[in-house]
């Protein structure tokens, strides 16, 4: 009997090789096949193929990112979500196989003779004693998945797990990009603070000179007040950037999830930060379908597709098998002796006849869910395309902006130098010199901000291209 039961289960399992889910086909991408920025078209390589350490070459920045990956609570939650989804999938997959349990039980009862219906009591005691012992190996309510209901549910759980895995990858890429941007912002603000301190020292010297000249009548009160205005502006900037640097450190500390050692903080300013300068965009259709958030949306769509199969299977009969094989005896000592073999086999079939429209509603809900998943997938693709296009648009012009800002800063510095010579010779007034110094200070601030914009654009471009995404 055990052999027959085993063969029956194996034959039943062979019937579960298909589902009633519709064949999955990836929706057509609702975007152009090439990037709108002409310079990016025609490239086949993509920054998404590069590991983050190939892009963020600065050892201090790389060390900070490593620290964030090891300590971030957001990433830790994302990884735990993967573990939870994997366990859910394994539980659902287990339903495809019969559950075999071994049981050993024994009962002993005493029934009054008058109620037993079996005649006189043993030993004239007026009661009937009954003992029963069983040892069985059995299968309980194993569903033959002929119409693929259980398999469809397993496929849905699998795609839910895979979507969670891709969401965790997206979280990791976002963490890398946010940490890099926070580190670069700190470096830029440190540069702005150093510039403000140098400017304050210079302007305090100019203010002291203007005060002495005013005291002896060699300068007007307007010259004095103008010098004082510039000095106090620089002093205010020092206070502002000092606070901003501390806020940047707090933001970086929160992202990393722990204290950032001093040897990992920016040193030498933003200009010394090393980031791979050329990040290729690749082919639009290839890049977009490999981004973790797009892959997560597609797995959600595939799971919704599988739900339709489970909903369709609900219209068909469910066949369950229950069986056991073992030994039964009235005496515990004789449980495994000859002649005690016991077995049972109880197949059952449940045919849906009337469910008040629940099965039809379940199918309609599954189909609507699949259409929602298609819309979400298409939106994820469109959002990804827009993010890459925006980053490429910035990349196409950021070089010109930075070059212009460098020329502006150089011209402003030269103007200040020439004006100082003219002022020393009495050709220009102090107001002209102060105005040139103000222009130079503003140009230097603009140059630092342009360098930060370029570095941030590289970080953003790496992120939106799917940074390190594996090939599908």
Protein backbone atom coordinates (compact mmCIF):
# COMPACT_ATOMS: atom_id res chain seq x y z
CA UNK A 1 0.00 0.00 0.00
CA UNK A 2 2.81 2.44 0.84
CA UNK A 3 4.31 1.78 -2.59
CA UNK A 4 0.97 2.40 -4.27
CA UNK A 5 0.45 5.61 -2.30
CA UNK A 6 3.90 6.84 -3.27
CA UNK A 7 3.29 6.09 -6.95
CA UNK A 8 -0.04 7.87 -6.78
CA UNK A 9 1.56 11.00 -5.35
CA UNK A 10 4.35 10.97 -7.93
CA UNK A 11 1.85 10.58 -10.76
CA UNK A 12 -0.25 13.38 -9.34
CA UNK A 13 2.79 15.64 -9.13
CA UNK A 14 3.45 15.04 -12.82
CA UNK A 15 0.08 16.57 -13.59
CA UNK A 16 1.07 19.91 -12.03
CA UNK A 17 3.48 21.03 -14.74
CA UNK A 18 1.29 23.84 -16.11
CA UNK A 19 -0.78 26.76 -14.87
CA UNK A 20 -3.75 28.71 -16.17
CA UNK A 21 -1.88 32.02 -15.96
CA UNK A 22 -1.70 33.95 -19.27
CA UNK A 23 1.65 33.87 -21.04
CA UNK A 24 3.79 36.77 -19.81
CA UNK A 25 5.01 39.28 -22.36
CA UNK A 26 7.00 42.35 -21.38
CA UNK A 27 5.05 45.51 -22.31
CA UNK A 28 6.53 47.71 -25.01
CA UNK A 29 8.59 50.53 -23.53
CA UNK A 30 6.50 53.74 -23.65
CA UNK A 31 9.58 55.92 -24.32
CA UNK A 32 11.94 56.72 -27.17
CA UNK A 33 14.65 54.21 -28.06
CA UNK A 34 17.40 56.84 -27.79
CA UNK A 35 18.22 59.58 -25.30
CA UNK A 36 17.15 63.11 -26.27
CA UNK A 37 20.67 64.45 -25.74
CA UNK A 38 22.42 63.95 -29.07
CA UNK A 39 25.89 63.40 -27.62
CA UNK A 40 24.69 60.39 -25.63
CA UNK A 41 23.20 58.50 -28.59
CA UNK A 42 25.12 55.67 -30.23
CA UNK A 43 26.89 54.56 -27.04
CA UNK A 44 26.61 50.89 -26.16
CA UNK A 45 28.48 50.86 -22.84
CA UNK A 46 26.72 52.14 -19.75
CA UNK A 47 27.76 53.44 -16.35
CA UNK A 48 25.35 50.84 -14.99
CA UNK A 49 28.01 48.23 -15.80
CA UNK A 50 30.53 49.86 -13.46
CA UNK A 51 30.95 48.94 -9.82
CA UNK A 52 30.66 51.96 -7.55
CA UNK A 53 34.35 51.76 -6.55
CA UNK A 54 35.26 52.24 -10.20
CA UNK A 55 33.34 55.53 -10.21
CA UNK A 56 34.08 56.98 -6.77
CA UNK A 57 37.86 56.76 -6.82
CA UNK A 58 38.63 59.06 -3.88
CA UNK A 59 39.80 56.77 -1.04
CA UNK A 60 38.14 58.92 1.65
CA UNK A 61 34.83 58.99 -0.21
CA UNK A 62 35.03 55.24 -0.92
CA UNK A 63 35.74 54.55 2.75
CA UNK A 64 32.73 56.61 3.79
CA UNK A 65 30.47 54.73 1.36
CA UNK A 66 31.79 51.40 2.66
CA UNK A 67 30.95 52.53 6.17
CA UNK A 68 27.42 53.49 5.10
CA UNK A 69 26.83 50.13 3.42
CA UNK A 70 27.88 48.38 6.62
CA UNK A 71 25.87 50.50 9.06
CA UNK A 72 22.83 52.01 7.31
CA UNK A 73 19.56 51.10 9.03
CA UNK A 74 17.60 51.65 5.81
CA UNK A 75 19.76 49.12 3.99
CA UNK A 76 19.53 46.73 6.92
CA UNK A 77 15.72 46.86 6.76
CA UNK A 78 15.84 46.30 2.99
CA UNK A 79 18.01 43.18 3.46
CA UNK A 80 15.67 41.86 6.16
CA UNK A 81 12.74 42.44 3.81
CA UNK A 82 14.50 40.14 1.34
CA UNK A 83 14.86 37.45 4.00
CA UNK A 84 11.18 37.76 4.88
CA UNK A 85 10.07 37.58 1.24
CA UNK A 86 12.35 34.58 0.63
CA UNK A 87 10.81 32.74 3.59
CA UNK A 88 7.31 33.51 2.32
CA UNK A 89 8.23 32.10 -1.08
CA UNK A 90 9.68 28.95 0.45
CA UNK A 91 6.49 28.40 2.45
CA UNK A 92 4.36 28.79 -0.68
CA UNK A 93 6.66 26.51 -2.69
CA UNK A 94 6.37 23.84 0.00
CA UNK A 95 2.66 23.55 -0.79
CA UNK A 96 3.63 21.86 -4.09
CA UNK A 97 4.90 18.82 -2.18
CA UNK A 98 2.94 16.49 0.11
CA UNK A 99 3.43 16.93 3.83
CA UNK A 100 4.32 13.61 5.42
CA UNK A 101 3.86 13.21 9.18
CA UNK A 102 4.64 10.35 11.49
CA UNK A 103 2.28 9.83 14.42
CA UNK A 104 2.26 7.53 17.41
CA UNK A 105 -0.89 7.57 19.53
CA UNK A 106 -2.55 5.53 22.19
CA UNK A 107 -5.94 5.61 23.90
CA UNK A 108 -7.33 3.81 26.90
CA UNK A 109 -10.97 4.12 27.90
CA UNK A 110 -13.44 2.62 30.33
CA UNK A 111 -17.13 2.41 29.47
CA UNK A 112 -19.98 1.17 31.75
CA UNK A 113 -21.25 -2.24 30.68
CA UNK A 114 -24.78 -0.97 30.29
CA UNK A 115 -23.62 1.70 27.84
CA UNK A 116 -21.12 -0.35 25.92
CA UNK A 117 -23.50 -2.67 24.07
CA UNK A 118 -20.94 -5.48 24.23
CA UNK A 119 -22.37 -7.72 26.98
CA UNK A 120 -20.70 -8.52 30.30
CA UNK A 121 -17.82 -6.53 31.70
CA UNK A 122 -14.36 -7.96 32.11
CA UNK A 123 -13.89 -9.55 35.51
CA UNK A 124 -17.40 -8.58 36.55
CA UNK A 125 -16.31 -5.03 37.25
CA UNK A 126 -19.33 -3.49 35.59
CA UNK A 127 -17.16 -1.60 33.08
CA UNK A 128 -15.55 -2.30 29.73
CA UNK A 129 -11.90 -1.29 29.28
CA UNK A 130 -10.64 -0.58 25.74
CA UNK A 131 -7.05 0.06 24.66
CA UNK A 132 -5.92 1.14 21.20
CA UNK A 133 -2.45 2.03 19.91
CA UNK A 134 -1.51 3.36 16.46
CA UNK A 135 1.74 4.14 14.63
CA UNK A 136 1.28 5.73 11.21
CA UNK A 137 3.05 7.58 8.43
CA UNK A 138 0.57 9.63 6.49
CA UNK A 139 -0.22 12.42 4.07
CA UNK A 140 -2.93 14.87 5.01
CA UNK A 141 -5.01 16.80 2.46
CA UNK A 142 -2.38 17.06 -0.27
CA UNK A 143 -3.89 19.07 -3.14
CA UNK A 144 -3.28 17.71 -6.62
CA UNK A 145 -2.44 20.91 -8.44
CA UNK A 146 -3.93 19.80 -11.75
CA UNK A 147 -5.11 23.29 -12.72
CA UNK A 148 -2.03 25.10 -11.41
CA UNK A 149 -3.61 27.05 -8.54
CA UNK A 150 -0.84 26.26 -6.05
CA UNK A 151 1.85 26.70 -8.71
CA UNK A 152 0.46 30.12 -9.64
CA UNK A 153 0.52 31.18 -6.00
CA UNK A 154 4.11 29.94 -5.82
CA UNK A 155 5.03 31.98 -8.90
CA UNK A 156 3.41 35.06 -7.38
CA UNK A 157 5.40 34.58 -4.15
CA UNK A 158 8.60 34.09 -6.17
CA UNK A 159 8.12 37.33 -8.08
CA UNK A 160 7.26 39.15 -4.87
CA UNK A 161 10.57 37.94 -3.46
CA UNK A 162 12.47 38.97 -6.60
CA UNK A 163 10.79 42.40 -6.55
CA UNK A 164 11.84 42.85 -2.93
CA UNK A 165 15.39 41.89 -3.88
CA UNK A 166 15.47 44.53 -6.62
CA UNK A 167 13.98 47.11 -4.24
CA UNK A 168 16.84 46.40 -1.86
CA UNK A 169 19.32 46.91 -4.72
CA UNK A 170 17.65 50.23 -5.53
CA UNK A 171 17.95 51.18 -1.85
CA UNK A 172 21.65 50.32 -1.94
CA UNK A 173 22.29 52.43 -5.05
CA UNK A 174 20.35 55.34 -3.54
CA UNK A 175 22.37 55.05 -0.33
CA UNK A 176 25.64 55.12 -2.28
CA UNK A 177 24.51 58.19 -4.24
CA UNK A 178 23.13 60.04 -1.20
CA UNK A 179 26.29 59.34 0.79
CA UNK A 180 28.48 60.55 -2.08
CA UNK A 181 26.41 63.72 -2.51
CA UNK A 182 26.47 64.43 1.23
CA UNK A 183 30.25 63.95 1.31
CA UNK A 184 30.75 66.21 -1.73
CA UNK A 185 28.43 68.86 -0.29
CA UNK A 186 30.47 68.83 2.91
CA UNK A 187 33.67 69.28 0.87
CA UNK A 188 32.13 72.22 -1.05
CA UNK A 189 30.91 73.90 2.12
CA UNK A 190 34.33 73.46 3.68
CA UNK A 191 35.77 75.24 0.63
CA UNK A 192 33.21 78.03 0.99
CA UNK A 193 34.05 78.37 4.69
CA UNK A 194 37.78 78.58 3.95
CA UNK A 195 37.12 81.18 1.25
CA UNK A 196 34.93 83.21 3.64
CA UNK A 197 37.62 83.11 6.33
CA UNK A 198 40.33 84.26 3.90
CA UNK A 199 38.03 87.01 2.60
CA UNK A 200 37.17 88.11 6.13
CA UNK A 201 40.86 88.45 7.02
CA UNK A 202 41.52 90.51 3.89
CA UNK A 203 38.51 92.73 4.49
CA UNK A 204 39.36 93.27 8.13
CA UNK A 205 42.77 94.51 7.00
CA UNK A 206 41.06 96.82 4.49
CA UNK A 207 38.67 98.05 7.18
CA UNK A 208 41.56 98.82 9.55
CA UNK A 209 43.31 100.79 6.79
CA UNK A 210 40.09 102.66 5.93
CA UNK A 211 39.63 103.52 9.62
CA UNK A 212 43.14 104.96 9.87
CA UNK A 213 42.64 106.96 6.67
CA UNK A 214 39.32 108.26 7.91
CA UNK A 215 40.83 109.26 11.25
CA UNK A 216 43.40 111.44 9.50
CA UNK A 217 40.92 112.77 6.95
CA UNK A 218 42.35 110.86 3.99
CA UNK A 219 39.16 108.86 3.39
CA UNK A 220 35.47 109.70 3.48
CA UNK A 221 32.88 108.19 5.77
CA UNK A 222 31.38 106.47 2.71
CA UNK A 223 34.69 104.67 2.10
CA UNK A 224 34.76 103.60 5.76
CA UNK A 225 31.17 102.31 5.75
CA UNK A 226 31.66 100.44 2.48
CA UNK A 227 34.70 98.68 3.91
CA UNK A 228 32.76 97.90 7.07
CA UNK A 229 29.83 96.51 5.05
CA UNK A 230 32.08 94.13 3.13
CA UNK A 231 33.86 93.00 6.29
CA UNK A 232 30.61 92.26 8.11
CA UNK A 233 29.25 90.43 5.06
CA UNK A 234 32.27 88.15 5.12
CA UNK A 235 31.90 87.71 8.90
CA UNK A 236 28.26 86.68 8.40
CA UNK A 237 29.31 84.23 5.69
CA UNK A 238 31.87 82.67 8.04
CA UNK A 239 29.16 82.11 10.65
CA UNK A 240 26.73 80.76 8.04
CA UNK A 241 29.20 78.32 6.49
CA UNK A 242 30.50 77.21 9.89
CA UNK A 243 26.97 76.16 10.86
CA UNK A 244 26.40 74.61 7.43
CA UNK A 245 29.53 72.48 7.70
CA UNK A 246 28.31 71.10 11.03
CA UNK A 247 24.87 70.38 9.53
CA UNK A 248 26.57 68.61 6.63
CA UNK A 249 28.48 66.43 9.08
CA UNK A 250 25.23 65.61 10.90
CA UNK A 251 23.55 64.66 7.62
CA UNK A 252 26.50 62.46 6.64
CA UNK A 253 26.52 60.84 10.08
CA UNK A 254 22.81 59.96 9.73
CA UNK A 255 23.30 58.46 6.27
CA UNK A 256 26.32 56.42 7.33
CA UNK A 257 24.61 55.25 10.49
CA UNK A 258 27.62 55.84 12.73
CA UNK A 259 30.32 58.41 13.49
CA UNK A 260 32.47 59.14 10.45
CA UNK A 261 36.19 59.02 11.36
CA UNK A 262 38.14 62.21 10.71
CA UNK A 263 40.41 60.42 8.25
CA UNK A 264 37.39 59.73 6.00
CA UNK A 265 36.08 63.31 5.97
CA UNK A 266 36.96 65.52 2.96
CA UNK A 267 40.48 66.92 3.01
CA UNK A 268 41.97 69.36 0.53
CA UNK A 269 38.67 70.66 -0.76
CA UNK A 270 36.24 69.64 -3.45
CA UNK A 271 38.74 70.16 -6.25
CA UNK A 272 40.81 67.20 -5.02
CA UNK A 273 37.84 64.76 -4.91
CA UNK A 274 38.36 62.00 -7.45
CA UNK A 275 35.32 60.82 -9.43
CA UNK A 276 35.41 59.09 -12.80
CA UNK A 277 34.82 62.03 -15.17
CA UNK A 278 33.22 60.19 -18.12
CA UNK A 279 30.09 58.10 -17.50
CA UNK A 280 28.58 56.64 -20.69
CA UNK A 281 24.79 56.43 -20.90
CA UNK A 282 24.42 53.39 -23.13
CA UNK A 283 21.31 52.40 -25.11
CA UNK A 284 18.03 53.56 -23.62
CA UNK A 285 16.06 50.31 -23.92
CA UNK A 286 18.90 48.28 -22.41
CA UNK A 287 19.58 50.67 -19.52
CA UNK A 288 15.94 51.19 -18.53
CA UNK A 289 15.04 47.50 -18.35
CA UNK A 290 18.01 46.83 -16.08
CA UNK A 291 17.37 49.50 -13.48
CA UNK A 292 16.48 47.89 -10.13
CA UNK A 293 13.28 49.91 -9.66
CA UNK A 294 12.10 49.00 -13.17
CA UNK A 295 12.98 45.34 -12.57
CA UNK A 296 11.04 45.45 -9.30
CA UNK A 297 8.01 46.84 -11.13
CA UNK A 298 8.32 44.10 -13.76
CA UNK A 299 8.48 41.33 -11.16
CA UNK A 300 5.39 42.83 -9.53
CA UNK A 301 3.71 42.67 -12.94
CA UNK A 302 4.75 39.04 -13.39
CA UNK A 303 3.35 38.25 -9.96
CA UNK A 304 0.05 39.90 -10.90
CA UNK A 305 0.05 37.77 -14.04
CA UNK A 306 0.42 34.64 -11.91
CA UNK A 307 -2.48 35.75 -9.72
CA UNK A 308 -4.75 35.52 -12.74
CA UNK A 309 -3.80 31.84 -13.05
CA UNK A 310 -4.71 31.20 -9.42
CA UNK A 311 -8.03 33.04 -9.85
CA UNK A 312 -8.90 31.02 -12.98
CA UNK A 313 -8.07 27.75 -11.23
CA UNK A 314 -10.64 28.58 -8.54
CA UNK A 315 -13.40 27.78 -11.10
CA UNK A 316 -12.24 24.17 -11.36
CA UNK A 317 -12.41 21.22 -8.97
CA UNK A 318 -9.83 20.71 -6.25
CA UNK A 319 -8.66 17.16 -5.64
CA UNK A 320 -7.05 16.32 -2.32
CA UNK A 321 -5.42 13.11 -1.12
CA UNK A 322 -5.27 11.87 2.44
CA UNK A 323 -3.63 8.57 3.24
CA UNK A 324 -1.75 6.73 5.95
CA UNK A 325 0.11 3.46 6.47
CA UNK A 326 1.14 1.96 9.75
CA UNK A 327 0.27 -0.42 12.57
CA UNK A 328 -2.63 -0.69 15.02
CA UNK A 329 -2.95 -2.89 18.09
CA UNK A 330 -4.93 -3.22 21.27
CA UNK A 331 -1.67 -3.77 23.16
CA UNK A 332 1.34 -1.51 23.10
CA UNK A 333 3.65 -4.52 23.17
CA UNK A 334 2.04 -5.94 20.04
CA UNK A 335 2.03 -2.72 18.03
CA UNK A 336 4.69 -3.83 15.55
CA UNK A 337 3.97 -7.59 15.52
CA UNK A 338 2.62 -9.43 12.52
CA UNK A 339 -1.00 -8.95 11.60
CA UNK A 340 -1.18 -5.35 12.87
CA UNK A 341 -0.84 -3.58 9.50
CA UNK A 342 -3.29 -0.72 9.03
CA UNK A 343 -3.78 1.72 6.17
CA UNK A 344 -6.23 4.21 4.80
CA UNK A 345 -6.60 6.13 1.53
CA UNK A 346 -9.20 8.89 1.25
CA UNK A 347 -9.16 11.00 -1.89
CA UNK A 348 -11.67 13.85 -2.08
CA UNK A 349 -12.86 16.24 -4.74
CA UNK A 350 -14.43 19.66 -4.20
CA UNK A 351 -16.41 21.06 -7.11
CA UNK A 352 -17.40 24.76 -7.01
CA UNK A 353 -21.14 25.02 -7.61
CA UNK A 354 -22.24 28.29 -6.04
CA UNK A 355 -20.01 30.89 -4.35
CA UNK A 356 -22.16 33.99 -4.67
CA UNK A 357 -19.97 35.36 -7.46
CA UNK A 358 -16.82 35.26 -5.31
CA UNK A 359 -14.76 33.36 -7.89
CA UNK A 360 -15.79 35.71 -10.69
CA UNK A 361 -14.99 38.71 -8.49
CA UNK A 362 -11.63 37.17 -7.63
CA UNK A 363 -10.78 36.79 -11.32
CA UNK A 364 -11.91 40.35 -12.09
CA UNK A 365 -9.78 41.63 -9.20
CA UNK A 366 -6.74 39.70 -10.48
CA UNK A 367 -7.17 41.08 -14.00
CA UNK A 368 -7.54 44.63 -12.67
CA UNK A 369 -4.44 44.12 -10.52
CA UNK A 370 -2.52 43.02 -13.60
CA UNK A 371 -3.57 46.15 -15.50
CA UNK A 372 -2.53 48.30 -12.53
CA UNK A 373 0.85 46.55 -12.50
CA UNK A 374 1.26 47.26 -16.24
CA UNK A 375 0.54 50.96 -15.65
CA UNK A 376 3.00 51.08 -12.73
CA UNK A 377 5.66 49.36 -14.84
CA UNK A 378 5.19 51.83 -17.69
CA UNK A 379 5.33 54.74 -15.26
CA UNK A 380 8.55 53.36 -13.73
CA UNK A 381 10.07 53.22 -17.21
CA UNK A 382 8.95 56.76 -18.05
CA UNK A 383 10.24 58.09 -14.74
CA UNK A 384 13.59 56.38 -15.30
CA UNK A 385 13.82 57.81 -18.83
CA UNK A 386 13.08 61.33 -17.57
CA UNK A 387 15.68 61.06 -14.77
CA UNK A 388 18.40 59.91 -17.16
CA UNK A 389 17.44 62.54 -19.77
CA UNK A 390 17.62 65.29 -17.12
CA UNK A 391 21.02 64.12 -15.91
CA UNK A 392 22.33 63.95 -19.48
CA UNK A 393 20.99 67.42 -20.23
CA UNK A 394 22.93 68.76 -17.25
CA UNK A 395 26.02 66.79 -18.24
CA UNK A 396 25.93 68.28 -21.75
CA UNK A 397 26.25 71.83 -20.42
CA UNK A 398 27.96 71.52 -17.04
CA UNK A 399 31.41 71.50 -18.64
CA UNK A 400 30.71 74.83 -20.36
CA UNK A 401 29.34 76.26 -17.12
CA UNK A 402 32.40 75.17 -15.14
CA UNK A 403 34.82 76.47 -17.78
CA UNK A 404 32.99 79.81 -17.89
CA UNK A 405 33.05 80.06 -14.10
CA UNK A 406 36.79 79.31 -14.03
CA UNK A 407 37.42 82.05 -16.60
CA UNK A 408 35.20 84.42 -14.63
CA UNK A 409 37.07 83.72 -11.39
CA UNK A 410 40.43 84.19 -13.13
CA UNK A 411 39.30 87.45 -14.75
CA UNK A 412 37.89 88.74 -11.44
CA UNK A 413 41.14 87.93 -9.65
CA UNK A 414 43.16 89.72 -12.35
CA UNK A 415 40.78 92.70 -12.20
CA UNK A 416 41.30 92.93 -8.45
CA UNK A 417 45.08 92.80 -8.91
CA UNK A 418 45.08 95.56 -11.55
CA UNK A 419 42.66 97.72 -9.56
CA UNK A 420 44.88 97.38 -6.50
CA UNK A 421 47.85 98.66 -8.55
CA UNK A 422 45.78 101.61 -9.80
CA UNK A 423 44.56 102.31 -6.25
CA UNK A 424 48.12 102.28 -4.89
CA UNK A 425 49.06 104.84 -7.55
CA UNK A 426 46.06 106.99 -6.75
CA UNK A 427 44.32 106.39 -10.09
CA UNK A 428 41.25 104.54 -8.70
CA UNK A 429 39.33 105.17 -5.51
CA UNK A 430 38.90 102.71 -2.69
CA UNK A 431 35.30 102.17 -3.78
CA UNK A 432 36.48 100.83 -7.14
CA UNK A 433 38.89 98.47 -5.37
CA UNK A 434 36.23 97.29 -2.95
CA UNK A 435 33.82 96.62 -5.80
CA UNK A 436 36.47 94.54 -7.60
CA UNK A 437 37.10 92.54 -4.43
CA UNK A 438 33.35 91.94 -4.04
CA UNK A 439 33.13 90.66 -7.63
CA UNK A 440 36.11 88.37 -7.09
CA UNK A 441 34.57 86.89 -3.92
CA UNK A 442 31.29 86.22 -5.69
CA UNK A 443 33.08 84.62 -8.66
CA UNK A 444 35.06 82.31 -6.37
CA UNK A 445 31.84 81.24 -4.62
CA UNK A 446 30.27 80.56 -8.01
CA UNK A 447 33.25 78.45 -9.03
CA UNK A 448 32.94 76.25 -5.94
CA UNK A 449 29.21 75.81 -6.56
CA UNK A 450 29.86 74.92 -10.22
CA UNK A 451 32.38 72.27 -9.18
CA UNK A 452 29.83 70.83 -6.77
CA UNK A 453 27.16 70.84 -9.49
CA UNK A 454 29.46 68.89 -11.81
CA UNK A 455 30.38 66.33 -9.14
CA UNK A 456 26.72 65.93 -8.09
CA UNK A 457 25.71 65.44 -11.72
CA UNK A 458 28.16 62.55 -12.04
CA UNK A 459 26.72 60.97 -8.88
CA UNK A 460 23.16 61.43 -10.12
CA UNK A 461 24.01 60.06 -13.56
CA UNK A 462 25.54 56.94 -12.02
CA UNK A 463 22.45 56.46 -9.86
CA UNK A 464 19.82 56.94 -12.58
CA UNK A 465 21.73 54.65 -14.99
CA UNK A 466 21.27 51.84 -12.47
CA UNK A 467 24.75 51.96 -10.94
CA UNK A 468 26.24 48.49 -11.07
CA UNK A 469 23.01 46.79 -12.18
CA UNK A 470 23.52 43.20 -13.40
CA UNK A 471 22.60 42.28 -16.94
CA UNK A 472 19.08 40.91 -17.29
